[in-house]
Every structure is written in structure tokens, then in C-alpha cells.
Amino acid sequence: MELCTTCLSKVNPKKDVRGYFIIEIVLWLFMVIPGLLYTLWRVAGGKQKVCPKCGSQSFVPIDSPAGKQLLAASQAQINTAPEQRKAA
């Protein structure tokens, strides 16, 4: 389990291929050479870890110093938010 640095969610990152499948299909249907190049680009890039909630590719391990610091900061934000609502 890792921590997404964008949305601060504790998630198991999913593996995703870069690019868009629909673009690949359109290129193959209309232009064979660009379709081949796009497919090779997608496959050569390998699968990347992405956050299932926000789509970011930026993660830190939860038990790392940076992960602990981000968790503490997000908890502090959550704890002060109700107090700010009462004051308003």
C-alpha cells in the first residue's frame, strides 16, 4: 500500500498503459504506419503505477519518512477543518 502525493489517499496503485486505446484504434483504422508507431510507443513505455482515485503517478511508501510526514499533515488538516467551520 502506498500514499498518493496528489490526493493523499492510501491506495494500492493500479498498473496502466500510457496513451489511449481509442486513439490507437483510430490510427490503425485510418493510417497503418502511425498506428504501428503509436502501438510501439505505448508498449515500449511499459505499465505505469497510477492512483485509482485521481490518476496521478506520484507515490511514496506509507512507512517512509516522507509518507509519515504527509499523513501527519493530512491528519492535521482534517482535525482543524471542523474547528474552522465552527468559527465561520
PDB file of N, CA and C in Angstrom:
ATOM      1  N   MET A   1       0.844  -1.168   0.000  1.00  0.00           N
ATOM      2  CA  MET A   1       0.000   0.000   0.000  1.00  0.00           C
ATOM      3  C   MET A   1       0.896   1.239   0.000  1.00  0.00           C
ATOM      4  N   GLU A   2       0.505   2.198  -0.804  1.00  0.00           N
ATOM      5  CA  GLU A   2       1.295   3.420  -0.923  1.00  0.00           C
ATOM      6  C   GLU A   2       0.413   4.642  -0.733  1.00  0.00           C
ATOM      7  N   LEU A   3       1.042   5.783  -0.606  1.00  0.00           N
ATOM      8  CA  LEU A   3       0.337   7.039  -0.411  1.00  0.00           C
ATOM      9  C   LEU A   3       0.474   7.885  -1.667  1.00  0.00           C
ATOM     10  N   CYS A   4      -0.649   8.276  -2.232  1.00  0.00           N
ATOM     11  CA  CYS A   4      -0.640   9.169  -3.394  1.00  0.00           C
ATOM     12  C   CYS A   4      -0.323  10.573  -2.904  1.00  0.00           C
ATOM     13  N   THR A   5       0.683  11.194  -3.474  1.00  0.00           N
ATOM     14  CA  THR A   5       1.075  12.531  -3.016  1.00  0.00           C
ATOM     15  C   THR A   5       0.168  13.620  -3.560  1.00  0.00           C
ATOM     16  N   THR A   6      -0.691  13.291  -4.509  1.00  0.00           N
ATOM     17  CA  THR A   6      -1.603  14.287  -5.067  1.00  0.00           C
ATOM     18  C   THR A   6      -2.893  14.383  -4.257  1.00  0.00           C
ATOM     19  N   CYS A   7      -3.551  13.225  -4.049  1.00  0.00           N
ATOM     20  CA  CYS A   7      -4.845  13.240  -3.345  1.00  0.00           C
ATOM     21  C   CYS A   7      -4.732  12.728  -1.913  1.00  0.00           C
ATOM     22  N   LEU A   8      -3.525  12.329  -1.485  1.00  0.00           N
ATOM     23  CA  LEU A   8      -3.238  11.844  -0.135  1.00  0.00           C
ATOM     24  C   LEU A   8      -4.079  10.627   0.248  1.00  0.00           C
ATOM     25  N   SER A   9      -4.376   9.769  -0.727  1.00  0.00           N
ATOM     26  CA  SER A   9      -5.131   8.546  -0.479  1.00  0.00           C
ATOM     27  C   SER A   9      -4.175   7.387  -0.243  1.00  0.00           C
ATOM     28  N   LYS A  10      -4.561   6.505   0.678  1.00  0.00           N
ATOM     29  CA  LYS A  10      -3.819   5.261   0.877  1.00  0.00           C
ATOM     30  C   LYS A  10      -4.400   4.258  -0.108  1.00  0.00           C
ATOM     31  N   VAL A  11      -3.620   3.890  -1.107  1.00  0.00           N
ATOM     32  CA  VAL A  11      -4.140   3.033  -2.176  1.00  0.00           C
ATOM     33  C   VAL A  11      -3.119   1.983  -2.579  1.00  0.00           C
ATOM     34  N   ASN A  12      -3.627   0.952  -3.228  1.00  0.00           N
ATOM     35  CA  ASN A  12      -2.777   0.019  -3.960  1.00  0.00           C
ATOM     36  C   ASN A  12      -2.800   0.510  -5.399  1.00  0.00           C
ATOM     37  N   PRO A  13      -1.680   1.030  -5.905  1.00  0.00           N
ATOM     38  CA  PRO A  13      -1.678   1.593  -7.262  1.00  0.00           C
ATOM     39  C   PRO A  13      -2.056   0.539  -8.295  1.00  0.00           C
ATOM     40  N   LYS A  14      -2.770   0.968  -9.312  1.00  0.00           N
ATOM     41  CA  LYS A  14      -3.082   0.052 -10.405  1.00  0.00           C
ATOM     42  C   LYS A  14      -2.072   0.267 -11.521  1.00  0.00           C
ATOM     43  N   LYS A  15      -1.872  -0.754 -12.318  1.00  0.00           N
ATOM     44  CA  LYS A  15      -0.939  -0.679 -13.447  1.00  0.00           C
ATOM     45  C   LYS A  15      -1.728  -0.262 -14.683  1.00  0.00           C
ATOM     46  N   ASP A  16      -1.207   0.695 -15.401  1.00  0.00           N
ATOM     47  CA  ASP A  16      -1.904   1.213 -16.566  1.00  0.00           C
ATOM     48  C   ASP A  16      -0.905   1.486 -17.685  1.00  0.00           C
ATOM     49  N   VAL A  17      -1.332   1.236 -18.918  1.00  0.00           N
ATOM     50  CA  VAL A  17      -0.501   1.507 -20.088  1.00  0.00           C
ATOM     51  C   VAL A  17      -0.703   2.971 -20.471  1.00  0.00           C
ATOM     52  N   ARG A  18       0.372   3.647 -20.824  1.00  0.00           N
ATOM     53  CA  ARG A  18       0.247   5.053 -21.204  1.00  0.00           C
ATOM     54  C   ARG A  18      -0.473   5.180 -22.543  1.00  0.00           C
ATOM     55  N   GLY A  19      -1.023   6.350 -22.795  1.00  0.00           N
ATOM     56  CA  GLY A  19      -1.744   6.586 -24.037  1.00  0.00           C
ATOM     57  C   GLY A  19      -3.193   6.146 -23.942  1.00  0.00           C
ATOM     58  N   TYR A  20      -3.905   6.249 -25.058  1.00  0.00           N
ATOM     59  CA  TYR A  20      -5.330   5.941 -25.103  1.00  0.00           C
ATOM     60  C   TYR A  20      -5.618   4.887 -26.159  1.00  0.00           C
ATOM     61  N   PHE A  21      -6.397   3.883 -25.770  1.00  0.00           N
ATOM     62  CA  PHE A  21      -6.726   2.785 -26.660  1.00  0.00           C
ATOM     63  C   PHE A  21      -7.536   3.268 -27.862  1.00  0.00           C
ATOM     64  N   ILE A  22      -8.445   4.198 -27.654  1.00  0.00           N
ATOM     65  CA  ILE A  22      -9.295   4.692 -28.756  1.00  0.00           C
ATOM     66  C   ILE A  22      -8.454   5.385 -29.831  1.00  0.00           C
ATOM     67  N   ILE A  23      -7.434   6.113 -29.419  1.00  0.00           N
ATOM     68  CA  ILE A  23      -6.543   6.758 -30.394  1.00  0.00           C
ATOM     69  C   ILE A  23      -5.789   5.695 -31.183  1.00  0.00           C
ATOM     70  N   GLU A  24      -5.381   4.642 -30.501  1.00  0.00           N
ATOM     71  CA  GLU A  24      -4.680   3.552 -31.168  1.00  0.00           C
ATOM     72  C   GLU A  24      -5.571   2.907 -32.233  1.00  0.00           C
ATOM     73  N   ILE A  25      -6.823   2.669 -31.895  1.00  0.00           N
ATOM     74  CA  ILE A  25      -7.760   2.056 -32.847  1.00  0.00           C
ATOM     75  C   ILE A  25      -7.968   2.965 -34.061  1.00  0.00           C
ATOM     76  N   VAL A  26      -8.189   4.259 -33.811  1.00  0.00           N
ATOM     77  CA  VAL A  26      -8.413   5.209 -34.920  1.00  0.00           C
ATOM     78  C   VAL A  26      -7.194   5.263 -35.835  1.00  0.00           C
ATOM     79  N   LEU A  27      -6.013   5.302 -35.267  1.00  0.00           N
ATOM     80  CA  LEU A  27      -4.795   5.344 -36.081  1.00  0.00           C
ATOM     81  C   LEU A  27      -4.634   4.065 -36.894  1.00  0.00           C
ATOM     82  N   TRP A  28      -4.962   2.920 -36.314  1.00  0.00           N
ATOM     83  CA  TRP A  28      -4.873   1.665 -37.059  1.00  0.00           C
ATOM     84  C   TRP A  28      -5.903   1.618 -38.187  1.00  0.00           C
ATOM     85  N   LEU A  29      -7.089   2.159 -37.938  1.00  0.00           N
ATOM     86  CA  LEU A  29      -8.140   2.108 -38.963  1.00  0.00           C
ATOM     87  C   LEU A  29      -7.830   2.996 -40.161  1.00  0.00           C
ATOM     88  N   PHE A  30      -7.252   4.141 -39.903  1.00  0.00           N
ATOM     89  CA  PHE A  30      -7.047   5.104 -40.977  1.00  0.00           C
ATOM     90  C   PHE A  30      -5.614   5.177 -41.506  1.00  0.00           C
ATOM     91  N   MET A  31      -4.651   4.919 -40.640  1.00  0.00           N
ATOM     92  CA  MET A  31      -3.252   5.061 -41.047  1.00  0.00           C
ATOM     93  C   MET A  31      -2.427   3.966 -40.386  1.00  0.00           C
ATOM     94  N   VAL A  32      -1.967   3.017 -41.157  1.00  0.00           N
ATOM     95  CA  VAL A  32      -1.283   1.849 -40.608  1.00  0.00           C
ATOM     96  C   VAL A  32       0.050   2.214 -39.954  1.00  0.00           C
ATOM     97  N   ILE A  33       0.870   2.992 -40.598  1.00  0.00           N
ATOM     98  CA  ILE A  33       2.202   3.321 -40.061  1.00  0.00           C
ATOM     99  C   ILE A  33       2.090   4.107 -38.744  1.00  0.00           C
ATOM    100  N   PRO A  34       1.288   5.196 -38.683  1.00  0.00           N
ATOM    101  CA  PRO A  34       1.151   5.880 -37.384  1.00  0.00           C
ATOM    102  C   PRO A  34       0.547   4.970 -36.306  1.00  0.00           C
ATOM    103  N   GLY A  35      -0.368   4.082 -36.715  1.00  0.00           N
ATOM    104  CA  GLY A  35      -0.944   3.141 -35.756  1.00  0.00           C
ATOM    105  C   GLY A  35       0.119   2.224 -35.180  1.00  0.00           C
ATOM    106  N   LEU A  36       0.996   1.731 -36.028  1.00  0.00           N
ATOM    107  CA  LEU A  36       2.080   0.871 -35.587  1.00  0.00           C
ATOM    108  C   LEU A  36       3.026   1.629 -34.652  1.00  0.00           C
ATOM    109  N   LEU A  37       3.383   2.848 -35.025  1.00  0.00           N
ATOM    110  CA  LEU A  37       4.285   3.650 -34.189  1.00  0.00           C
ATOM    111  C   LEU A  37       3.662   3.948 -32.820  1.00  0.00           C
ATOM    112  N   TYR A  38       2.375   4.292 -32.816  1.00  0.00           N
ATOM    113  CA  TYR A  38       1.686   4.595 -31.560  1.00  0.00           C
ATOM    114  C   TYR A  38       1.624   3.346 -30.668  1.00  0.00           C
ATOM    115  N   THR A  39       1.338   2.201 -31.276  1.00  0.00           N
ATOM    116  CA  THR A  39       1.286   0.951 -30.518  1.00  0.00           C
ATOM    117  C   THR A  39       2.646   0.630 -29.919  1.00  0.00           C
ATOM    118  N   LEU A  40       3.694   0.784 -30.696  1.00  0.00           N
ATOM    119  CA  LEU A  40       5.045   0.529 -30.188  1.00  0.00           C
ATOM    120  C   LEU A  40       5.403   1.476 -29.056  1.00  0.00           C
ATOM    121  N   TRP A  41       4.999   2.735 -29.179  1.00  0.00           N
ATOM    122  CA  TRP A  41       5.258   3.730 -28.125  1.00  0.00           C
ATOM    123  C   TRP A  41       4.541   3.334 -26.836  1.00  0.00           C
ATOM    124  N   ARG A  42       3.284   2.892 -26.958  1.00  0.00           N
ATOM    125  CA  ARG A  42       2.507   2.501 -25.772  1.00  0.00           C
ATOM    126  C   ARG A  42       3.128   1.281 -25.095  1.00  0.00           C
ATOM    127  N   VAL A  43       3.491   0.289 -25.899  1.00  0.00           N
ATOM    128  CA  VAL A  43       4.015  -0.961 -25.348  1.00  0.00           C
ATOM    129  C   VAL A  43       5.422  -0.770 -24.783  1.00  0.00           C
ATOM    130  N   ALA A  44       6.243   0.006 -25.466  1.00  0.00           N
ATOM    131  CA  ALA A  44       7.626   0.224 -25.028  1.00  0.00           C
ATOM    132  C   ALA A  44       7.680   0.974 -23.702  1.00  0.00           C
ATOM    133  N   GLY A  45       6.685   1.804 -23.430  1.00  0.00           N
ATOM    134  CA  GLY A  45       6.666   2.563 -22.185  1.00  0.00           C
ATOM    135  C   GLY A  45       6.375   1.700 -20.975  1.00  0.00           C
ATOM    136  N   GLY A  46       5.873   0.507 -21.205  1.00  0.00           N
ATOM    137  CA  GLY A  46       5.549  -0.380 -20.095  1.00  0.00           C
ATOM    138  C   GLY A  46       4.340   0.107 -19.331  1.00  0.00           C
ATOM    139  N   LYS A  47       4.018  -0.625 -18.292  1.00  0.00           N
ATOM    140  CA  LYS A  47       2.890  -0.240 -17.448  1.00  0.00           C
ATOM    141  C   LYS A  47       3.389   0.653 -16.333  1.00  0.00           C
ATOM    142  N   GLN A  48       2.604   1.672 -16.045  1.00  0.00           N
ATOM    143  CA  GLN A  48       2.968   2.634 -15.012  1.00  0.00           C
ATOM    144  C   GLN A  48       1.997   2.513 -13.852  1.00  0.00           C
ATOM    145  N   LYS A  49       2.499   2.797 -12.640  1.00  0.00           N
ATOM    146  CA  LYS A  49       1.622   2.799 -11.474  1.00  0.00           C
ATOM    147  C   LYS A  49       0.826   4.105 -11.473  1.00  0.00           C
ATOM    148  N   VAL A  50      -0.499   3.999 -11.340  1.00  0.00           N
ATOM    149  CA  VAL A  50      -1.349   5.180 -11.254  1.00  0.00           C
ATOM    150  C   VAL A  50      -2.311   5.035 -10.091  1.00  0.00           C
ATOM    151  N   CYS A  51      -2.695   6.157  -9.521  1.00  0.00           N
ATOM    152  CA  CYS A  51      -3.658   6.185  -8.428  1.00  0.00           C
ATOM    153  C   CYS A  51      -5.048   5.880  -8.978  1.00  0.00           C
ATOM    154  N   PRO A  52      -5.767   4.918  -8.405  1.00  0.00           N
ATOM    155  CA  PRO A  52      -7.108   4.615  -8.900  1.00  0.00           C
ATOM    156  C   PRO A  52      -8.118   5.725  -8.625  1.00  0.00           C
ATOM    157  N   LYS A  53      -7.805   6.639  -7.709  1.00  0.00           N
ATOM    158  CA  LYS A  53      -8.746   7.714  -7.382  1.00  0.00           C
ATOM    159  C   LYS A  53      -8.542   8.961  -8.235  1.00  0.00           C
ATOM    160  N   CYS A  54      -7.279   9.380  -8.419  1.00  0.00           N
ATOM    161  CA  CYS A  54      -7.049  10.646  -9.128  1.00  0.00           C
ATOM    162  C   CYS A  54      -6.236  10.497 -10.417  1.00  0.00           C
ATOM    163  N   GLY A  55      -5.618   9.337 -10.647  1.00  0.00           N
ATOM    164  CA  GLY A  55      -4.845   9.120 -11.868  1.00  0.00           C
ATOM    165  C   GLY A  55      -3.408   9.606 -11.811  1.00  0.00           C
ATOM    166  N   SER A  56      -2.976  10.102 -10.665  1.00  0.00           N
ATOM    167  CA  SER A  56      -1.602  10.590 -10.522  1.00  0.00           C
ATOM    168  C   SER A  56      -0.606   9.438 -10.555  1.00  0.00           C
ATOM    169  N   GLN A  57       0.632   9.748 -10.888  1.00  0.00           N
ATOM    170  CA  GLN A  57       1.695   8.749 -10.919  1.00  0.00           C
ATOM    171  C   GLN A  57       2.721   8.990  -9.813  1.00  0.00           C
ATOM    172  N   SER A  58       2.368   9.796  -8.843  1.00  0.00           N
ATOM    173  CA  SER A  58       3.297  10.178  -7.793  1.00  0.00           C
ATOM    174  C   SER A  58       2.927   9.480  -6.475  1.00  0.00           C
ATOM    175  N   PHE A  59       3.804   8.568  -6.006  1.00  0.00           N
ATOM    176  CA  PHE A  59       3.558   7.799  -4.798  1.00  0.00           C
ATOM    177  C   PHE A  59       4.765   7.809  -3.886  1.00  0.00           C
ATOM    178  N   VAL A  60       4.505   7.629  -2.595  1.00  0.00           N
ATOM    179  CA  VAL A  60       5.558   7.356  -1.622  1.00  0.00           C
ATOM    180  C   VAL A  60       5.077   6.209  -0.743  1.00  0.00           C
ATOM    181  N   PRO A  61       5.989   5.376  -0.272  1.00  0.00           N
ATOM    182  CA  PRO A  61       5.581   4.321   0.656  1.00  0.00           C
ATOM    183  C   PRO A  61       5.027   4.932   1.942  1.00  0.00           C
ATOM    184  N   ILE A  62       3.997   4.319   2.500  1.00  0.00           N
ATOM    185  CA  ILE A  62       3.363   4.858   3.705  1.00  0.00           C
ATOM    186  C   ILE A  62       4.326   4.861   4.887  1.00  0.00           C
ATOM    187  N   ASP A  63       5.191   3.851   4.970  1.00  0.00           N
ATOM    188  CA  ASP A  63       6.092   3.756   6.118  1.00  0.00           C
ATOM    189  C   ASP A  63       7.398   4.532   5.948  1.00  0.00           C
ATOM    190  N   SER A  64       7.542   5.267   4.854  1.00  0.00           N
ATOM    191  CA  SER A  64       8.749   6.076   4.653  1.00  0.00           C
ATOM    192  C   SER A  64       8.616   7.392   5.426  1.00  0.00           C
ATOM    193  N   PRO A  65       9.732   8.086   5.690  1.00  0.00           N
ATOM    194  CA  PRO A  65       9.652   9.374   6.388  1.00  0.00           C
ATOM    195  C   PRO A  65       8.758  10.384   5.657  1.00  0.00           C
ATOM    196  N   ALA A  66       8.854  10.428   4.330  1.00  0.00           N
ATOM    197  CA  ALA A  66       8.014  11.366   3.571  1.00  0.00           C
ATOM    198  C   ALA A  66       6.541  10.970   3.669  1.00  0.00           C
ATOM    199  N   GLY A  67       6.261   9.673   3.629  1.00  0.00           N
ATOM    200  CA  GLY A  67       4.892   9.196   3.752  1.00  0.00           C
ATOM    201  C   GLY A  67       4.302   9.518   5.107  1.00  0.00           C
ATOM    202  N   LYS A  68       5.087   9.314   6.158  1.00  0.00           N
ATOM    203  CA  LYS A  68       4.617   9.626   7.515  1.00  0.00           C
ATOM    204  C   LYS A  68       4.364  11.114   7.676  1.00  0.00           C
ATOM    205  N   GLN A  69       5.229  11.934   7.068  1.00  0.00           N
ATOM    206  CA  GLN A  69       5.068  13.388   7.159  1.00  0.00           C
ATOM    207  C   GLN A  69       3.797  13.829   6.428  1.00  0.00           C
ATOM    208  N   LEU A  70       3.553  13.287   5.250  1.00  0.00           N
ATOM    209  CA  LEU A  70       2.338  13.632   4.505  1.00  0.00           C
ATOM    210  C   LEU A  70       1.077  13.187   5.245  1.00  0.00           C
ATOM    211  N   LEU A  71       1.119  11.987   5.832  1.00  0.00           N
ATOM    212  CA  LEU A  71      -0.034  11.504   6.600  1.00  0.00           C
ATOM    213  C   LEU A  71      -0.310  12.403   7.801  1.00  0.00           C
ATOM    214  N   ALA A  72       0.743  12.790   8.505  1.00  0.00           N
ATOM    215  CA  ALA A  72       0.574  13.666   9.665  1.00  0.00           C
ATOM    216  C   ALA A  72      -0.006  15.014   9.245  1.00  0.00           C
ATOM    217  N   ALA A  73       0.477  15.555   8.134  1.00  0.00           N
ATOM    218  CA  ALA A  73      -0.024  16.843   7.654  1.00  0.00           C
ATOM    219  C   ALA A  73      -1.486  16.739   7.233  1.00  0.00           C
ATOM    220  N   SER A  74      -1.852  15.647   6.576  1.00  0.00           N
ATOM    221  CA  SER A  74      -3.241  15.496   6.143  1.00  0.00           C
ATOM    222  C   SER A  74      -4.160  15.292   7.345  1.00  0.00           C
ATOM    223  N   GLN A  75      -3.696  14.574   8.369  1.00  0.00           N
ATOM    224  CA  GLN A  75      -4.495  14.391   9.578  1.00  0.00           C
ATOM    225  C   GLN A  75      -4.679  15.724  10.311  1.00  0.00           C
ATOM    226  N   ALA A  76      -3.636  16.539  10.328  1.00  0.00           N
ATOM    227  CA  ALA A  76      -3.737  17.852  10.970  1.00  0.00           C
ATOM    228  C   ALA A  76      -4.749  18.720  10.236  1.00  0.00           C
ATOM    229  N   GLN A  77      -4.786  18.638   8.910  1.00  0.00           N
ATOM    230  CA  GLN A  77      -5.763  19.393   8.127  1.00  0.00           C
ATOM    231  C   GLN A  77      -7.176  18.931   8.435  1.00  0.00           C
ATOM    232  N   ILE A  78      -7.367  17.621   8.530  1.00  0.00           N
ATOM    233  CA  ILE A  78      -8.691  17.078   8.813  1.00  0.00           C
ATOM    234  C   ILE A  78      -9.150  17.492  10.203  1.00  0.00           C
ATOM    235  N   ASN A  79      -8.226  17.481  11.170  1.00  0.00           N
ATOM    236  CA  ASN A  79      -8.588  17.825  12.550  1.00  0.00           C
ATOM    237  C   ASN A  79      -8.885  19.310  12.720  1.00  0.00           C
ATOM    238  N   THR A  80      -8.257  20.187  11.939  1.00  0.00           N
ATOM    239  CA  THR A  80      -8.507  21.627  12.082  1.00  0.00           C
ATOM    240  C   THR A  80      -9.689  22.086  11.241  1.00  0.00           C
ATOM    241  N   ALA A  81     -10.096  21.330  10.271  1.00  0.00           N
ATOM    242  CA  ALA A  81     -11.196  21.736   9.395  1.00  0.00           C
ATOM    243  C   ALA A  81     -12.511  21.920  10.150  1.00  0.00           C
ATOM    244  N   PRO A  82     -12.934  21.022  11.071  1.00  0.00           N
ATOM    245  CA  PRO A  82     -14.178  21.254  11.790  1.00  0.00           C
ATOM    246  C   PRO A  82     -14.135  22.502  12.669  1.00  0.00           C
ATOM    247  N   GLU A  83     -12.972  22.797  13.238  1.00  0.00           N
ATOM    248  CA  GLU A  83     -12.837  23.992  14.062  1.00  0.00           C
ATOM    249  C   GLU A  83     -13.011  25.251  13.233  1.00  0.00           C
ATOM    250  N   GLN A  84     -12.506  25.235  12.015  1.00  0.00           N
ATOM    251  CA  GLN A  84     -12.650  26.397  11.136  1.00  0.00           C
ATOM    252  C   GLN A  84     -14.099  26.592  10.725  1.00  0.00           C
ATOM    253  N   ARG A  85     -14.842  25.495  10.548  1.00  0.00           N
ATOM    254  CA  ARG A  85     -16.249  25.596  10.171  1.00  0.00           C
ATOM    255  C   ARG A  85     -17.068  26.197  11.305  1.00  0.00           C
ATOM    256  N   LYS A  86     -16.734  25.842  12.558  1.00  0.00           N
ATOM    257  CA  LYS A  86     -17.465  26.371  13.713  1.00  0.00           C
ATOM    258  C   LYS A  86     -17.240  27.874  13.858  1.00  0.00           C
ATOM    259  N   ALA A  87     -16.000  28.317  13.567  1.00  0.00           N
ATOM    260  CA  ALA A  87     -15.652  29.728  13.714  1.00  0.00           C
ATOM    261  C   ALA A  87     -16.319  30.584  12.640  1.00  0.00           C
ATOM    262  N   ALA A  88     -16.603  30.017  11.497  1.00  0.00           N
ATOM    263  CA  ALA A  88     -17.174  30.795  10.381  1.00  0.00           C
ATOM    264  C   ALA A  88     -18.631  31.057  10.523  1.00  0.00           C
TER     265      ALA A  88
END
